[in-house]
Amino acid sequence: MNVRIIAVGKVKEKFLRRAVDMYLDRIGRYARVEEVELKDGDEATVQERFEKAIPAERARVVALEVDGKSWSSERLAAYLDEGQQSGAQSLVFLIGGSYGLPPAVSKAADVRLSLSKMTLPHRLARIFLAEQIYRGFTILRGEPYSH
């Protein structure tokens, strides 16, 4: 299974980039992982960029939205497991830019997930998401990290 994080913008700050990369490396122990950074633009352009970046076949898509569902780490782990068990080729997580995700992209997602009721800068949301995906895989395997 592939895990793909598609986000508007680049993580330019070195200390934040290191944190994202650390969790992506850790996720790589359990699944193929890919991060796709999209250039920002007007709504139609960003929508087109997301649509091109989302795999067409057997992908489960999660749109990160402040008004999405609130899940525990255990529920996210269960979602990762459901993806693996269902034969999904990819689990795709979408992070918008300063204006969020284009509405059509968000609406087309399988799940709308909230990391917090607070608005997070996309760079921090990316770190938080990557850590929670890693945590989810450790929960599934009963590893001590999740405690």
N, C-alpha and C. Protein backbone atom coordinates (compact mmCIF):
# COMPACT_ATOMS: atom_id res chain seq x y z
N MET A 1 0.85 -1.18 0.00
CA MET A 1 0.00 0.00 0.00
C MET A 1 0.89 1.24 0.00
N ASN A 2 0.39 2.28 -0.65
CA ASN A 2 1.07 3.57 -0.69
C ASN A 2 0.34 4.56 0.20
N VAL A 3 1.10 5.38 0.86
CA VAL A 3 0.56 6.53 1.59
C VAL A 3 1.08 7.75 0.85
N ARG A 4 0.16 8.61 0.43
CA ARG A 4 0.55 9.83 -0.28
C ARG A 4 -0.04 11.02 0.44
N ILE A 5 0.82 11.95 0.80
CA ILE A 5 0.39 13.21 1.39
C ILE A 5 0.56 14.28 0.31
N ILE A 6 -0.56 14.90 -0.07
CA ILE A 6 -0.54 15.94 -1.09
C ILE A 6 -0.88 17.25 -0.40
N ALA A 7 0.02 18.22 -0.50
CA ALA A 7 -0.16 19.47 0.22
C ALA A 7 0.19 20.66 -0.66
N VAL A 8 -0.55 21.73 -0.46
CA VAL A 8 -0.23 22.99 -1.13
C VAL A 8 0.91 23.64 -0.37
N GLY A 9 1.92 24.06 -1.09
CA GLY A 9 3.03 24.77 -0.49
C GLY A 9 4.19 23.85 -0.13
N LYS A 10 5.30 24.48 0.11
CA LYS A 10 6.52 23.77 0.49
C LYS A 10 6.82 24.04 1.96
N VAL A 11 7.44 23.08 2.59
CA VAL A 11 7.95 23.28 3.94
C VAL A 11 9.38 23.78 3.75
N LYS A 12 9.57 25.06 3.95
CA LYS A 12 10.87 25.69 3.67
C LYS A 12 11.77 25.76 4.89
N GLU A 13 11.18 25.87 6.06
CA GLU A 13 11.98 25.98 7.28
C GLU A 13 12.70 24.65 7.53
N LYS A 14 14.00 24.71 7.69
CA LYS A 14 14.79 23.48 7.80
C LYS A 14 14.37 22.61 8.98
N PHE A 15 14.09 23.22 10.12
CA PHE A 15 13.74 22.43 11.30
C PHE A 15 12.38 21.73 11.11
N LEU A 16 11.44 22.38 10.42
CA LEU A 16 10.16 21.74 10.13
C LEU A 16 10.32 20.65 9.07
N ARG A 17 11.15 20.93 8.06
CA ARG A 17 11.41 19.95 7.00
C ARG A 17 12.00 18.68 7.60
N ARG A 18 12.93 18.84 8.54
CA ARG A 18 13.53 17.67 9.19
C ARG A 18 12.48 16.85 9.94
N ALA A 19 11.56 17.54 10.61
CA ALA A 19 10.51 16.83 11.35
C ALA A 19 9.60 16.05 10.40
N VAL A 20 9.18 16.68 9.31
CA VAL A 20 8.34 15.98 8.34
C VAL A 20 9.09 14.77 7.80
N ASP A 21 10.33 14.97 7.38
CA ASP A 21 11.11 13.88 6.80
C ASP A 21 11.34 12.74 7.78
N MET A 22 11.52 13.07 9.06
CA MET A 22 11.72 12.03 10.06
C MET A 22 10.49 11.11 10.11
N TYR A 23 9.29 11.70 10.14
CA TYR A 23 8.09 10.86 10.21
C TYR A 23 7.83 10.14 8.89
N LEU A 24 8.12 10.76 7.77
CA LEU A 24 7.96 10.07 6.49
C LEU A 24 8.89 8.86 6.43
N ASP A 25 10.12 9.02 6.91
CA ASP A 25 11.05 7.88 6.96
C ASP A 25 10.50 6.77 7.84
N ARG A 26 9.95 7.13 8.97
CA ARG A 26 9.39 6.13 9.89
C ARG A 26 8.19 5.41 9.26
N ILE A 27 7.32 6.17 8.57
CA ILE A 27 6.18 5.54 7.88
C ILE A 27 6.69 4.55 6.85
N GLY A 28 7.81 4.87 6.23
CA GLY A 28 8.40 4.00 5.21
C GLY A 28 8.74 2.61 5.68
N ARG A 29 8.78 2.38 6.98
CA ARG A 29 8.99 1.03 7.53
C ARG A 29 7.76 0.15 7.31
N TYR A 30 6.59 0.79 7.11
CA TYR A 30 5.32 0.06 7.06
C TYR A 30 4.64 0.12 5.70
N ALA A 31 4.92 1.17 4.94
CA ALA A 31 4.24 1.37 3.65
C ALA A 31 5.12 2.27 2.79
N ARG A 32 4.90 2.20 1.50
CA ARG A 32 5.55 3.17 0.63
C ARG A 32 4.91 4.52 0.91
N VAL A 33 5.71 5.54 1.04
CA VAL A 33 5.19 6.87 1.38
C VAL A 33 5.73 7.90 0.40
N GLU A 34 4.87 8.83 0.05
CA GLU A 34 5.25 9.87 -0.89
C GLU A 34 4.61 11.18 -0.45
N GLU A 35 5.37 12.24 -0.57
CA GLU A 35 4.87 13.57 -0.29
C GLU A 35 4.89 14.34 -1.60
N VAL A 36 3.76 14.96 -1.93
CA VAL A 36 3.65 15.76 -3.15
C VAL A 36 3.33 17.18 -2.73
N GLU A 37 4.18 18.11 -3.13
CA GLU A 37 3.96 19.52 -2.81
C GLU A 37 3.46 20.23 -4.06
N LEU A 38 2.31 20.86 -3.92
CA LEU A 38 1.69 21.57 -5.04
C LEU A 38 1.92 23.06 -4.91
N LYS A 39 2.13 23.68 -6.04
CA LYS A 39 2.24 25.14 -6.07
C LYS A 39 0.86 25.74 -5.85
N ASP A 40 0.79 26.81 -5.08
CA ASP A 40 -0.47 27.50 -4.83
C ASP A 40 -0.91 28.25 -6.08
N GLY A 41 -2.14 28.69 -6.09
CA GLY A 41 -2.68 29.45 -7.21
C GLY A 41 -4.14 29.74 -6.95
N ASP A 42 -4.87 30.13 -7.99
CA ASP A 42 -6.29 30.37 -7.80
C ASP A 42 -7.01 29.04 -7.61
N GLU A 43 -8.25 29.10 -7.16
CA GLU A 43 -9.00 27.89 -6.79
C GLU A 43 -9.04 26.87 -7.92
N ALA A 44 -9.34 27.30 -9.13
CA ALA A 44 -9.45 26.37 -10.25
C ALA A 44 -8.12 25.69 -10.56
N THR A 45 -7.04 26.45 -10.48
CA THR A 45 -5.71 25.90 -10.76
C THR A 45 -5.31 24.90 -9.69
N VAL A 46 -5.54 25.24 -8.44
CA VAL A 46 -5.19 24.33 -7.34
C VAL A 46 -6.05 23.07 -7.42
N GLN A 47 -7.32 23.22 -7.75
CA GLN A 47 -8.19 22.05 -7.91
C GLN A 47 -7.63 21.12 -8.98
N GLU A 48 -7.23 21.67 -10.10
CA GLU A 48 -6.67 20.86 -11.19
C GLU A 48 -5.40 20.16 -10.74
N ARG A 49 -4.57 20.85 -9.98
CA ARG A 49 -3.31 20.25 -9.50
C ARG A 49 -3.58 19.09 -8.55
N PHE A 50 -4.57 19.26 -7.65
CA PHE A 50 -4.94 18.16 -6.77
C PHE A 50 -5.47 16.98 -7.58
N GLU A 51 -6.36 17.24 -8.50
CA GLU A 51 -6.96 16.16 -9.29
C GLU A 51 -5.90 15.36 -10.05
N LYS A 52 -4.86 16.03 -10.54
CA LYS A 52 -3.78 15.33 -11.24
C LYS A 52 -2.91 14.52 -10.28
N ALA A 53 -2.78 14.99 -9.05
CA ALA A 53 -1.89 14.34 -8.08
C ALA A 53 -2.54 13.15 -7.36
N ILE A 54 -3.87 13.09 -7.38
CA ILE A 54 -4.57 11.99 -6.70
C ILE A 54 -4.59 10.78 -7.63
N PRO A 55 -4.09 9.63 -7.18
CA PRO A 55 -4.10 8.44 -8.03
C PRO A 55 -5.52 8.08 -8.45
N ALA A 56 -5.66 7.65 -9.68
CA ALA A 56 -6.99 7.36 -10.23
C ALA A 56 -7.51 6.00 -9.80
N GLU A 57 -6.61 5.07 -9.52
CA GLU A 57 -7.06 3.71 -9.23
C GLU A 57 -6.97 3.36 -7.75
N ARG A 58 -8.01 2.77 -7.24
CA ARG A 58 -8.08 2.19 -5.89
C ARG A 58 -7.42 3.05 -4.82
N ALA A 59 -7.81 4.30 -4.79
CA ALA A 59 -7.29 5.22 -3.78
C ALA A 59 -8.41 5.61 -2.83
N ARG A 60 -8.09 5.65 -1.56
CA ARG A 60 -8.98 6.21 -0.54
C ARG A 60 -8.44 7.59 -0.23
N VAL A 61 -9.30 8.59 -0.32
CA VAL A 61 -8.87 9.97 -0.21
C VAL A 61 -9.43 10.61 1.06
N VAL A 62 -8.55 11.23 1.83
CA VAL A 62 -8.91 11.91 3.07
C VAL A 62 -8.58 13.39 2.91
N ALA A 63 -9.60 14.23 3.00
CA ALA A 63 -9.41 15.68 2.94
C ALA A 63 -9.31 16.22 4.35
N LEU A 64 -8.25 16.92 4.66
CA LEU A 64 -8.12 17.52 5.98
C LEU A 64 -8.87 18.84 5.99
N GLU A 65 -9.87 18.91 6.85
CA GLU A 65 -10.75 20.07 6.95
C GLU A 65 -11.02 20.37 8.41
N VAL A 66 -11.02 21.62 8.78
CA VAL A 66 -11.25 22.00 10.18
C VAL A 66 -12.63 21.53 10.65
N ASP A 67 -13.60 21.44 9.73
CA ASP A 67 -14.95 20.99 10.11
C ASP A 67 -15.18 19.52 9.81
N GLY A 68 -14.11 18.76 9.61
CA GLY A 68 -14.24 17.33 9.33
C GLY A 68 -14.48 16.53 10.60
N LYS A 69 -14.50 15.21 10.44
CA LYS A 69 -14.69 14.30 11.57
C LYS A 69 -13.46 14.35 12.48
N SER A 70 -13.70 14.23 13.77
CA SER A 70 -12.61 14.13 14.73
C SER A 70 -12.38 12.66 15.06
N TRP A 71 -11.19 12.19 14.82
CA TRP A 71 -10.85 10.80 15.09
C TRP A 71 -9.78 10.73 16.17
N SER A 72 -9.79 9.65 16.89
CA SER A 72 -8.69 9.34 17.80
C SER A 72 -7.56 8.72 16.97
N SER A 73 -6.41 8.59 17.59
CA SER A 73 -5.29 7.92 16.92
C SER A 73 -5.65 6.47 16.61
N GLU A 74 -6.40 5.85 17.50
CA GLU A 74 -6.82 4.47 17.29
C GLU A 74 -7.78 4.35 16.10
N ARG A 75 -8.65 5.33 15.91
CA ARG A 75 -9.57 5.30 14.77
C ARG A 75 -8.80 5.50 13.47
N LEU A 76 -7.80 6.38 13.48
CA LEU A 76 -6.97 6.54 12.28
C LEU A 76 -6.23 5.25 11.99
N ALA A 77 -5.73 4.58 13.02
CA ALA A 77 -5.06 3.29 12.83
C ALA A 77 -6.02 2.29 12.19
N ALA A 78 -7.25 2.27 12.66
CA ALA A 78 -8.25 1.36 12.09
C ALA A 78 -8.50 1.69 10.62
N TYR A 79 -8.51 2.98 10.28
CA TYR A 79 -8.70 3.39 8.89
C TYR A 79 -7.53 2.93 8.02
N LEU A 80 -6.31 3.05 8.54
CA LEU A 80 -5.15 2.54 7.82
C LEU A 80 -5.29 1.04 7.58
N ASP A 81 -5.72 0.33 8.60
CA ASP A 81 -5.91 -1.11 8.48
C ASP A 81 -7.01 -1.45 7.48
N GLU A 82 -8.12 -0.72 7.54
CA GLU A 82 -9.21 -0.93 6.57
C GLU A 82 -8.71 -0.74 5.15
N GLY A 83 -7.87 0.26 4.95
CA GLY A 83 -7.30 0.49 3.63
C GLY A 83 -6.46 -0.68 3.16
N GLN A 84 -5.63 -1.20 4.05
CA GLN A 84 -4.80 -2.35 3.71
C GLN A 84 -5.66 -3.58 3.42
N GLN A 85 -6.65 -3.82 4.26
CA GLN A 85 -7.48 -5.01 4.12
C GLN A 85 -8.38 -4.96 2.90
N SER A 86 -8.78 -3.76 2.49
CA SER A 86 -9.69 -3.63 1.35
C SER A 86 -8.98 -3.71 0.02
N GLY A 87 -7.67 -3.71 0.05
CA GLY A 87 -6.92 -3.76 -1.19
C GLY A 87 -6.72 -2.39 -1.83
N ALA A 88 -6.96 -1.35 -1.06
CA ALA A 88 -6.71 -0.01 -1.60
C ALA A 88 -5.24 0.08 -1.97
N GLN A 89 -4.98 0.63 -3.14
CA GLN A 89 -3.60 0.79 -3.57
C GLN A 89 -2.94 1.96 -2.86
N SER A 90 -3.72 3.01 -2.60
CA SER A 90 -3.19 4.21 -1.98
C SER A 90 -4.15 4.79 -0.96
N LEU A 91 -3.59 5.30 0.11
CA LEU A 91 -4.31 6.16 1.04
C LEU A 91 -3.73 7.55 0.82
N VAL A 92 -4.60 8.47 0.45
CA VAL A 92 -4.17 9.80 0.06
C VAL A 92 -4.73 10.82 1.05
N PHE A 93 -3.85 11.67 1.57
CA PHE A 93 -4.25 12.70 2.51
C PHE A 93 -4.00 14.05 1.86
N LEU A 94 -5.01 14.93 1.89
CA LEU A 94 -4.95 16.22 1.23
C LEU A 94 -4.90 17.35 2.23
N ILE A 95 -3.93 18.25 2.07
CA ILE A 95 -3.79 19.42 2.93
C ILE A 95 -3.83 20.66 2.04
N GLY A 96 -4.77 21.54 2.31
CA GLY A 96 -4.89 22.76 1.52
C GLY A 96 -3.89 23.82 1.94
N GLY A 97 -3.93 24.91 1.21
CA GLY A 97 -3.07 26.04 1.51
C GLY A 97 -3.76 27.01 2.44
N SER A 98 -3.43 28.27 2.35
CA SER A 98 -3.96 29.27 3.27
C SER A 98 -5.47 29.45 3.15
N TYR A 99 -6.05 29.09 2.02
CA TYR A 99 -7.49 29.19 1.84
C TYR A 99 -8.18 27.82 1.92
N GLY A 100 -7.46 26.83 2.39
CA GLY A 100 -8.03 25.49 2.51
C GLY A 100 -8.02 24.76 1.19
N LEU A 101 -8.77 23.68 1.14
CA LEU A 101 -8.90 22.87 -0.08
C LEU A 101 -9.97 23.46 -0.98
N PRO A 102 -9.81 23.33 -2.29
CA PRO A 102 -10.91 23.72 -3.17
C PRO A 102 -12.15 22.88 -2.82
N PRO A 103 -13.32 23.50 -2.74
CA PRO A 103 -14.53 22.77 -2.32
C PRO A 103 -14.80 21.49 -3.12
N ALA A 104 -14.57 21.50 -4.41
CA ALA A 104 -14.83 20.30 -5.21
C ALA A 104 -13.90 19.16 -4.84
N VAL A 105 -12.67 19.47 -4.50
CA VAL A 105 -11.70 18.45 -4.09
C VAL A 105 -12.12 17.86 -2.75
N SER A 106 -12.49 18.73 -1.81
CA SER A 106 -12.92 18.28 -0.50
C SER A 106 -14.18 17.42 -0.60
N LYS A 107 -15.12 17.86 -1.38
CA LYS A 107 -16.40 17.14 -1.52
C LYS A 107 -16.19 15.75 -2.14
N ALA A 108 -15.23 15.61 -3.04
CA ALA A 108 -14.99 14.33 -3.71
C ALA A 108 -14.25 13.33 -2.83
N ALA A 109 -13.69 13.76 -1.72
CA ALA A 109 -12.93 12.87 -0.85
C ALA A 109 -13.84 11.85 -0.19
N ASP A 110 -13.26 10.73 0.18
CA ASP A 110 -14.01 9.67 0.87
C ASP A 110 -14.29 10.05 2.31
N VAL A 111 -13.37 10.78 2.91
CA VAL A 111 -13.49 11.19 4.31
C VAL A 111 -13.00 12.63 4.43
N ARG A 112 -13.69 13.40 5.25
CA ARG A 112 -13.23 14.74 5.63
C ARG A 112 -12.83 14.65 7.10
N LEU A 113 -11.55 14.84 7.36
CA LEU A 113 -10.98 14.62 8.68
C LEU A 113 -10.45 15.93 9.25
N SER A 114 -10.71 16.15 10.52
CA SER A 114 -10.18 17.32 11.22
C SER A 114 -9.06 16.87 12.16
N LEU A 115 -7.92 17.51 12.06
CA LEU A 115 -6.84 17.25 13.01
C LEU A 115 -7.06 18.02 14.30
N SER A 116 -7.83 19.11 14.20
CA SER A 116 -8.10 19.96 15.36
C SER A 116 -9.21 20.94 14.97
N LYS A 117 -9.93 21.40 15.94
CA LYS A 117 -10.91 22.46 15.68
C LYS A 117 -10.20 23.79 15.45
N MET A 118 -8.94 23.86 15.85
CA MET A 118 -8.15 25.06 15.60
C MET A 118 -7.60 25.02 14.18
N THR A 119 -7.39 26.17 13.60
CA THR A 119 -6.78 26.25 12.29
C THR A 119 -5.27 26.10 12.46
N LEU A 120 -4.69 25.15 11.73
CA LEU A 120 -3.25 24.91 11.81
C LEU A 120 -2.58 25.41 10.54
N PRO A 121 -1.41 26.01 10.64
CA PRO A 121 -0.64 26.31 9.43
C PRO A 121 -0.37 25.00 8.70
N HIS A 122 -0.39 25.04 7.38
CA HIS A 122 -0.25 23.78 6.63
C HIS A 122 1.06 23.06 6.94
N ARG A 123 2.11 23.79 7.29
CA ARG A 123 3.38 23.14 7.60
C ARG A 123 3.26 22.31 8.89
N LEU A 124 2.59 22.88 9.89
CA LEU A 124 2.41 22.13 11.14
C LEU A 124 1.42 20.99 10.96
N ALA A 125 0.39 21.23 10.16
CA ALA A 125 -0.58 20.16 9.88
C ALA A 125 0.12 18.97 9.23
N ARG A 126 1.07 19.25 8.39
CA ARG A 126 1.79 18.16 7.71
C ARG A 126 2.60 17.33 8.70
N ILE A 127 3.26 17.99 9.64
CA ILE A 127 4.02 17.27 10.66
C ILE A 127 3.06 16.45 11.52
N PHE A 128 2.00 17.09 11.97
CA PHE A 128 1.02 16.43 12.83
C PHE A 128 0.42 15.21 12.13
N LEU A 129 0.04 15.37 10.87
CA LEU A 129 -0.53 14.26 10.10
C LEU A 129 0.48 13.13 9.95
N ALA A 130 1.71 13.46 9.56
CA ALA A 130 2.72 12.42 9.36
C ALA A 130 2.98 11.66 10.67
N GLU A 131 3.02 12.39 11.78
CA GLU A 131 3.22 11.72 13.07
C GLU A 131 2.06 10.79 13.38
N GLN A 132 0.84 11.22 13.12
CA GLN A 132 -0.33 10.40 13.42
C GLN A 132 -0.42 9.17 12.51
N ILE A 133 -0.01 9.30 11.27
CA ILE A 133 0.03 8.13 10.38
C ILE A 133 1.05 7.13 10.91
N TYR A 134 2.22 7.63 11.28
CA TYR A 134 3.23 6.75 11.87
C TYR A 134 2.69 6.10 13.14
N ARG A 135 2.09 6.89 14.02
CA ARG A 135 1.51 6.36 15.25
C ARG A 135 0.48 5.28 14.93
N GLY A 136 -0.34 5.52 13.90
CA GLY A 136 -1.35 4.54 13.51
C GLY A 136 -0.75 3.20 13.16
N PHE A 137 0.33 3.22 12.39
CA PHE A 137 0.99 1.95 12.03
C PHE A 137 1.57 1.27 13.27
N THR A 138 2.11 2.05 14.22
CA THR A 138 2.66 1.42 15.43
C THR A 138 1.54 0.84 16.29
N ILE A 139 0.39 1.48 16.30
CA ILE A 139 -0.75 0.94 17.03
C ILE A 139 -1.17 -0.40 16.43
N LEU A 140 -1.23 -0.47 15.11
CA LEU A 140 -1.64 -1.70 14.45
C LEU A 140 -0.70 -2.86 14.76
N ARG A 141 0.56 -2.55 14.99
CA ARG A 141 1.55 -3.60 15.25
C ARG A 141 1.85 -3.78 16.73
N GLY A 142 1.14 -3.06 17.58
CA GLY A 142 1.34 -3.20 19.02
C GLY A 142 2.71 -2.75 19.48
N GLU A 143 3.30 -1.82 18.78
CA GLU A 143 4.63 -1.35 19.15
C GLU A 143 4.54 -0.31 20.25
N PRO A 144 5.59 -0.16 21.04
CA PRO A 144 5.52 0.71 22.22
C PRO A 144 5.40 2.21 21.93
N TYR A 145 5.72 2.66 20.73
CA TYR A 145 5.65 4.10 20.45
C TYR A 145 4.29 4.69 20.78
N SER A 146 3.25 3.96 20.54
CA SER A 146 1.90 4.50 20.68
C SER A 146 1.44 4.67 22.13
N HIS A 147 2.25 4.29 23.08
CA HIS A 147 1.84 4.41 24.49
C HIS A 147 2.24 5.73 25.07
